[in-house]
Protein backbone atom coordinates (compact mmCIF):
# COMPACT_ATOMS: atom_id res chain seq x y z
CA MET A 1 8.68 -4.33 61.22
CA ALA A 2 5.33 -2.74 60.39
CA THR A 3 6.88 -0.98 57.39
CA THR A 4 8.23 -4.26 56.01
CA THR A 5 4.84 -5.95 56.37
CA PHE A 6 3.12 -3.08 54.48
CA ILE A 7 5.57 -3.29 51.58
CA LEU A 8 5.01 -7.05 51.28
CA LEU A 9 1.23 -6.52 51.20
CA LEU A 10 1.35 -3.90 48.40
CA PRO A 11 1.29 -6.41 45.47
CA ILE A 12 -1.70 -8.20 47.05
CA LEU A 13 -3.60 -4.93 47.47
CA PHE A 14 -2.86 -4.04 43.84
CA LEU A 15 -4.27 -7.35 42.59
CA LEU A 16 -7.42 -6.93 44.70
CA ASN A 17 -8.04 -3.38 43.41
CA PRO A 18 -9.60 -3.44 39.92
CA GLN A 19 -9.20 0.34 39.55
CA ALA A 20 -5.46 0.02 39.91
CA GLN A 21 -5.42 -2.63 37.20
CA ALA A 22 -7.55 -0.48 34.89
CA GLN A 23 -4.99 2.32 35.08
CA ALA A 24 -2.32 0.14 33.47
CA PRO A 25 -1.91 1.11 29.74
CA ALA A 26 -3.05 -1.42 27.16
CA PRO A 27 -0.28 -2.85 24.99
CA SER A 28 -0.02 -1.16 21.59
CA PRO A 29 -0.56 -3.34 18.50
CA SER A 30 2.60 -4.64 16.91
CA GLY A 31 3.51 -6.51 13.73
CA PRO A 32 2.46 -5.91 10.10
CA ILE A 33 -1.01 -4.61 9.25
CA ASN A 34 -3.33 -7.40 8.09
CA ILE A 35 -5.63 -5.89 5.46
CA THR A 36 -7.45 -9.18 4.94
CA ALA A 37 -8.31 -9.38 8.64
CA ILE A 38 -9.65 -5.81 8.58
CA LEU A 39 -11.94 -6.59 5.64
CA GLU A 40 -13.02 -10.00 6.95
CA LYS A 41 -13.97 -8.48 10.30
CA ALA A 42 -16.32 -6.05 8.51
CA GLY A 43 -17.94 -9.06 6.80
CA GLN A 44 -18.96 -7.74 3.37
CA TYR A 45 -15.79 -7.64 1.31
CA THR A 46 -15.42 -11.16 -0.09
CA ALA A 47 -15.25 -9.95 -3.71
CA LEU A 48 -12.65 -7.29 -2.90
CA ILE A 49 -10.47 -9.75 -1.00
CA LYS A 50 -10.61 -12.17 -3.94
CA ILE A 51 -9.57 -9.60 -6.54
CA LEU A 52 -6.84 -8.27 -4.23
CA LYS A 53 -5.39 -11.77 -4.01
CA ASP A 54 -5.94 -12.64 -7.69
CA THR A 55 -4.07 -9.52 -8.81
CA GLN A 56 -1.38 -10.00 -6.10
CA GLN A 57 -1.94 -6.42 -4.99
CA LEU A 58 -2.70 -7.41 -1.39
CA THR A 59 0.94 -8.31 -0.81
CA GLN A 60 2.09 -5.28 -2.79
CA ILE A 61 0.04 -2.81 -0.75
CA GLN A 62 1.15 -4.29 2.56
CA SER A 63 4.78 -4.20 1.39
CA GLN A 64 4.48 -0.54 0.42
CA LEU A 65 3.17 0.30 3.90
CA LYS A 66 6.57 -0.70 5.28
CA SER A 67 8.58 1.45 2.86
CA ASN A 68 6.23 4.42 2.31
CA SER A 69 6.64 7.02 5.04
CA GLN A 70 3.41 8.80 3.98
CA GLY A 71 1.15 5.81 4.58
CA SER A 72 -1.75 4.78 2.36
CA SER A 73 -5.56 4.91 2.06
CA LEU A 74 -7.77 2.14 0.68
CA PHE A 75 -11.32 2.75 -0.54
CA ALA A 76 -13.04 -0.62 -0.18
CA PRO A 77 -16.10 -1.40 -2.34
CA THR A 78 -18.60 -3.74 -0.67
CA ASP A 79 -19.84 -7.01 -2.17
CA ASN A 80 -23.04 -5.20 -3.19
CA ALA A 81 -20.93 -2.64 -5.04
CA PHE A 82 -19.39 -5.38 -7.20
CA GLN A 83 -22.78 -7.07 -7.70
CA ASN A 84 -24.26 -3.79 -8.95
CA LEU A 85 -21.70 -3.50 -11.75
CA PRO A 86 -23.10 -4.05 -15.26
CA SER A 87 -23.15 -7.70 -16.26
CA GLY A 88 -19.72 -8.85 -17.49
CA ALA A 89 -18.02 -5.54 -16.68
CA LEU A 90 -15.46 -7.01 -14.30
CA ASN A 91 -14.88 -10.22 -16.28
CA GLY A 92 -14.44 -8.14 -19.41
CA LEU A 93 -11.29 -6.51 -18.01
CA SER A 94 -7.85 -7.84 -18.79
CA ASP A 95 -5.54 -8.86 -15.95
CA ASP A 96 -3.64 -5.57 -16.26
CA GLN A 97 -6.88 -3.58 -16.16
CA LYS A 98 -7.95 -5.41 -13.00
CA VAL A 99 -4.65 -4.39 -11.42
CA GLN A 100 -5.26 -0.78 -12.43
CA LEU A 101 -8.81 -0.95 -11.06
CA ILE A 102 -7.52 -2.03 -7.65
CA LEU A 103 -4.73 0.57 -7.68
CA TYR A 104 -7.35 3.22 -8.48
CA HIS A 105 -8.83 2.53 -5.04
CA VAL A 106 -5.49 3.10 -3.28
CA THR A 107 -3.75 6.42 -2.58
CA PRO A 108 -0.01 6.58 -1.83
CA LYS A 109 -0.73 8.76 1.20
CA TYR A 110 -2.69 8.44 4.43
CA TYR A 111 -5.83 10.63 4.57
CA SER A 112 -8.18 11.00 7.51
CA LEU A 113 -11.83 11.85 6.79
CA SER A 114 -11.19 15.45 7.78
CA ASP A 115 -8.22 15.56 5.38
CA LEU A 116 -10.45 14.47 2.50
CA THR A 117 -12.80 17.42 3.00
CA THR A 118 -9.99 19.93 2.38
CA VAL A 119 -7.69 18.04 0.03
CA SER A 120 -6.75 19.51 -3.37
CA ASN A 121 -8.40 17.67 -6.28
CA PRO A 122 -7.65 15.49 -8.08
CA VAL A 123 -6.03 13.27 -5.46
CA ARG A 124 -3.30 11.04 -6.82
CA THR A 125 -3.89 7.28 -6.70
CA GLN A 126 -1.63 4.33 -7.49
CA ALA A 127 -3.30 4.15 -10.92
CA PRO A 128 -2.72 6.66 -13.75
CA TRP A 129 -5.89 8.60 -12.79
CA GLY A 130 -6.92 10.72 -9.81
CA LEU A 131 -10.02 10.90 -7.61
CA ASN A 132 -12.07 13.94 -6.60
CA PHE A 133 -13.37 14.45 -3.06
CA THR A 134 -16.08 16.85 -1.95
CA GLY A 135 -17.75 17.52 1.38
CA GLY A 136 -21.43 16.72 1.86
CA GLN A 137 -23.91 17.37 4.63
CA GLY A 138 -22.34 17.39 8.06
CA ASN A 139 -19.12 15.39 8.02
CA GLN A 140 -20.03 13.36 4.94
CA VAL A 141 -17.40 13.00 2.22
CA ASN A 142 -18.18 12.08 -1.39
CA VAL A 143 -15.69 10.56 -3.83
CA SER A 144 -15.95 10.68 -7.62
CA SER A 145 -14.06 8.96 -10.41
CA GLY A 146 -15.78 11.01 -13.09
CA ALA A 147 -17.84 7.95 -14.07
CA VAL A 148 -19.40 7.24 -10.67
CA GLU A 149 -19.84 9.15 -7.41
CA THR A 150 -20.55 7.73 -3.97
CA ALA A 151 -20.32 8.62 -0.31
CA ILE A 152 -17.70 7.35 2.11
CA ASN A 153 -19.98 5.73 4.66
CA ASN A 154 -17.73 4.10 7.19
CA ALA A 155 -14.11 4.04 8.32
CA LEU A 156 -13.03 0.44 8.80
CA ARG A 157 -9.65 1.70 9.97
CA GLN A 158 -8.42 5.25 10.48
CA GLN A 159 -5.01 4.98 12.06
CA PHE A 160 -1.69 5.86 10.44
CA PRO A 161 -0.16 4.41 8.31
CA LEU A 162 -3.34 2.90 6.82
CA ALA A 163 -6.89 4.17 6.42
CA VAL A 164 -9.61 1.86 5.05
CA TYR A 165 -12.94 3.40 4.03
CA GLN A 166 -16.15 1.72 2.88
CA VAL A 167 -17.62 2.81 -0.45
CA ASP A 168 -20.89 1.46 -1.84
CA LYS A 169 -19.86 1.74 -5.47
CA VAL A 170 -16.84 0.48 -7.38
CA LEU A 171 -14.79 3.52 -8.39
CA TRP A 172 -14.91 2.75 -12.11
CA PRO A 173 -12.34 4.77 -14.11
CA VAL A 174 -13.55 6.94 -16.97
CA ALA A 175 -10.87 5.23 -19.08
CA PHE A 176 -12.79 1.94 -18.75
CA THR A 177 -16.14 3.35 -19.88
CA ALA A 178 -17.60 2.70 -23.33
CA ASP A 179 -17.08 6.32 -24.39
CA ALA A 180 -13.38 6.15 -23.57
CA LYS A 181 -12.95 2.95 -25.58
CA SER A 182 -14.42 4.45 -28.75
CA PRO A 183 -12.18 7.39 -29.74
CA SER A 184 -12.67 9.18 -33.03
CA PRO A 185 -10.56 7.65 -35.82
CA ALA A 186 -7.20 9.24 -36.53
CA PRO A 187 -6.58 10.74 -40.00
CA ALA A 188 -5.01 8.46 -42.60
CA PRO A 189 -1.23 8.95 -43.09
CA LYS A 190 -0.16 11.19 -45.95
CA LYS A 191 1.47 9.68 -49.01
CA GLY A 192 5.23 9.77 -49.01
CA SER A 193 5.54 9.79 -45.22
CA LYS A 194 8.58 8.04 -43.80
CA GLY A 195 6.71 5.78 -41.41
CA ALA A 196 8.59 2.72 -40.30
CA GLY A 197 5.80 0.27 -40.82
CA THR A 198 3.68 1.37 -37.90
CA THR A 199 -0.10 1.36 -38.14
CA THR A 200 -2.30 4.23 -37.01
CA GLY A 201 -5.55 3.75 -35.09
CA GLY A 202 -8.61 3.85 -37.33
CA ALA A 203 -6.72 3.24 -40.59
CA ALA A 204 -7.34 -0.11 -42.26
CA ASP A 205 -4.23 -2.24 -42.75
CA ALA A 206 -4.09 -3.79 -46.18
CA SER A 207 -1.61 -6.46 -45.02
CA PRO A 208 -3.21 -9.82 -44.30
CA SER A 209 -3.33 -11.02 -40.72
CA PRO A 210 -1.46 -14.22 -39.73
CA SER A 211 -4.71 -16.15 -40.22
CA GLY A 212 -4.97 -14.90 -43.80
CA GLU A 213 -7.83 -12.49 -43.11
CA SER A 214 -7.66 -8.78 -43.81
CA LYS A 215 -7.95 -6.92 -40.52
CA ASN A 216 -8.48 -3.33 -39.42
CA ASP A 217 -6.03 -2.78 -36.55
CA SER A 218 -8.06 -0.21 -34.64
CA ASN A 219 -5.77 -0.69 -31.64
CA GLY A 220 -2.64 0.13 -33.62
CA VAL A 221 -0.43 2.98 -32.52
CA ALA A 222 1.40 5.53 -34.59
CA GLY A 223 5.08 5.42 -33.67
CA LYS A 224 8.32 7.18 -34.39
CA ASN A 225 10.55 6.16 -37.28
CA VAL A 226 12.08 3.33 -35.28
CA GLY A 227 12.23 0.55 -37.84
CA PHE A 228 9.34 -1.58 -36.63
CA GLY A 229 5.64 -1.21 -35.98
CA MET A 230 3.48 -2.80 -33.32
CA VAL A 231 -0.17 -3.55 -32.66
CA LEU A 232 -1.35 -3.45 -29.07
CA GLY A 233 -4.14 -5.75 -27.90
CA ASP A 234 -4.76 -5.75 -24.16
CA VAL A 235 -3.09 -3.12 -22.00
CA ASN A 236 0.73 -3.45 -21.99
CA LYS A 237 0.64 -6.50 -24.28
CA ILE A 238 2.27 -6.57 -27.72
CA GLU A 239 0.47 -9.07 -29.93
CA LYS A 240 2.53 -8.63 -33.09
CA LEU A 241 5.19 -6.45 -34.74
CA LYS A 242 5.74 -5.36 -38.31
CA ASP A 243 9.33 -5.29 -39.58
CA LYS A 244 10.86 -2.95 -42.17
CA GLU A 245 9.74 -5.18 -45.02
CA GLY A 246 6.12 -5.05 -43.85
CA ASN A 247 6.01 -8.63 -42.55
CA TRP A 248 4.08 -9.34 -39.35
CA ILE A 249 5.99 -11.09 -36.57
CA ILE A 250 3.88 -13.05 -34.08
CA GLY A 251 4.71 -15.15 -31.03
CA SER A 252 6.39 -13.93 -27.85
CA ASN A 253 9.78 -15.51 -28.62
CA ASN A 254 9.89 -14.20 -32.18
CA ILE A 255 8.87 -10.69 -31.05
CA LEU A 256 11.55 -10.72 -28.34
CA LYS A 257 14.27 -11.81 -30.79
CA HIS A 258 13.19 -9.15 -33.29
CA ILE A 259 13.36 -6.39 -30.67
CA GLU A 260 16.77 -7.55 -29.43
CA LYS A 261 18.14 -7.70 -32.97
CA TYR A 262 16.79 -4.24 -33.79
CA PHE A 263 18.42 -2.54 -30.81
CA GLU A 264 21.69 -4.43 -31.33
CA GLU A 265 21.87 -3.04 -34.87
CA LEU A 266 20.77 0.39 -33.67
CA PHE A 267 23.56 0.87 -31.14
CA LYS A 268 26.48 -0.98 -32.72
CA THR A 269 29.03 0.84 -34.87
CA THR A 270 30.47 -0.21 -38.24
CA ASN A 271 33.47 2.13 -38.03
CA GLU A 272 36.70 0.92 -36.48
CA ARG A 273 38.06 3.33 -33.92
CA ASN A 274 41.57 3.47 -32.55
CA SER A 275 41.41 5.30 -29.25
CA GLN A 276 44.75 4.06 -27.94
CA GLY A 277 46.46 7.36 -28.62
CA SER A 278 43.86 9.30 -26.65
CA THR A 279 43.47 6.97 -23.71
CA SER A 280 47.18 6.25 -23.17
CA LYS A 281 47.62 9.64 -21.47
CA ILE A 282 44.79 9.05 -18.99
CA SER A 283 45.79 7.59 -15.65
CA LYS A 284 43.91 4.53 -14.46
CA ARG A 285 41.21 5.19 -11.89
CA VAL A 286 39.47 1.81 -11.87
CA SER A 287 41.20 -0.94 -9.91
CA ARG A 288 41.16 -4.59 -10.91
CA ASP A 289 38.61 -5.41 -8.20
CA MET A 290 36.40 -2.54 -9.30
CA ASN A 291 36.63 -3.69 -12.93
CA GLU A 292 35.70 -7.25 -12.04
CA ASP A 293 32.67 -6.00 -10.13
CA LEU A 294 31.60 -3.79 -13.04
CA THR A 295 32.00 -6.49 -15.70
CA ARG A 296 30.52 -9.44 -13.83
CA ARG A 297 27.18 -10.89 -14.93
CA VAL A 298 24.09 -9.25 -13.53
CA ILE A 299 22.18 -11.64 -11.28
CA GLU A 300 18.42 -12.07 -11.37
CA GLU A 301 18.00 -10.67 -7.84
CA GLU A 302 19.62 -7.37 -8.89
CA ILE A 303 17.25 -7.04 -11.85
CA LYS A 304 14.28 -7.78 -9.59
CA ASP A 305 15.41 -5.17 -7.03
CA ALA A 306 15.88 -2.54 -9.75
CA VAL A 307 12.44 -3.15 -11.28
CA PHE A 308 10.55 -3.29 -7.98
CA ASN A 309 12.25 -0.12 -6.72
CA LEU A 310 10.82 1.81 -9.67
CA GLY A 311 7.91 4.04 -8.72
CA SER A 312 4.59 2.83 -10.12
CA LEU A 313 4.28 5.88 -12.39
CA LYS A 314 7.94 6.83 -12.77
CA ALA A 315 10.01 6.01 -15.84
CA PRO A 316 13.82 5.74 -16.11
CA SER A 317 13.83 8.08 -19.14
CA PRO A 318 11.38 10.30 -21.10
CA ASP A 319 10.53 7.40 -23.45
CA GLY A 320 10.94 4.62 -20.86
CA LEU A 321 8.28 2.35 -19.37
CA ASN A 322 7.09 2.97 -15.83
CA GLY A 323 7.13 0.46 -13.00
CA LEU A 324 3.40 -0.26 -13.42
CA PHE A 325 4.16 -1.73 -16.88
CA PHE A 326 6.23 -4.49 -15.31
């Protein structure tokens, strides 16, 4: 009887003993990582949160945390860091450049502070350029983009799969500096060259612009003999194309139709081929169901999955466009 009474009293004794309650393990955090909440809790990242949302990279980064087994690291500039940028520097960037600026502050791998003191430079980021890390006094770590250098002052979060570190300067890429935007002019093309109507940077184009004004296309690119030329304005944006006759094509729809027509002519054949004699001896390997699946129309969801599964800096072929382009 005494034993039964003691067992019944055990839960009451446990509740009355605070030390017993303290020994119970705290529940581990669950659910997706909320980057916005991490930054808002620190209280000085309003500008960063805004540009993360405007460029839609907040959702992208959090999505990659689910699929990337190596984690990620975010270097978060403070509001003062954005305020200390030269006047008009941020507003002077195109939408694509703002995306690249944010991706330059994100690494596709989780790094602790101790990792950053021994990492091999340059460290790959989600942008086309790397960052350099060096150790300072004590446990201090400095980060450099080549244009600016600053110390990593505080770890807002340092738990796999995401590390968030405070930086007091915006990690401005060298590619966005004035020196990088003013390359030396390329030599003029030689007479008799078989160019396909492309323009080279630094060479004046004698053809009138659509507005009727003569224009020096300093942003032109020298291309292969592909049958059309193009002039690039903002990053990853084709403003106009020049056809074989030297006429400029402007307008998104007209450019798209011209590109489609060019590649249709490039890959179609004018010779009739009779392959019946060769293929009649080959046994069929594709069933009717397989053939229907192969020849059905591609749905939009499949195209979206294919594009979003491309790595940011990986291309489907040597001359293809990487995932960051899209």
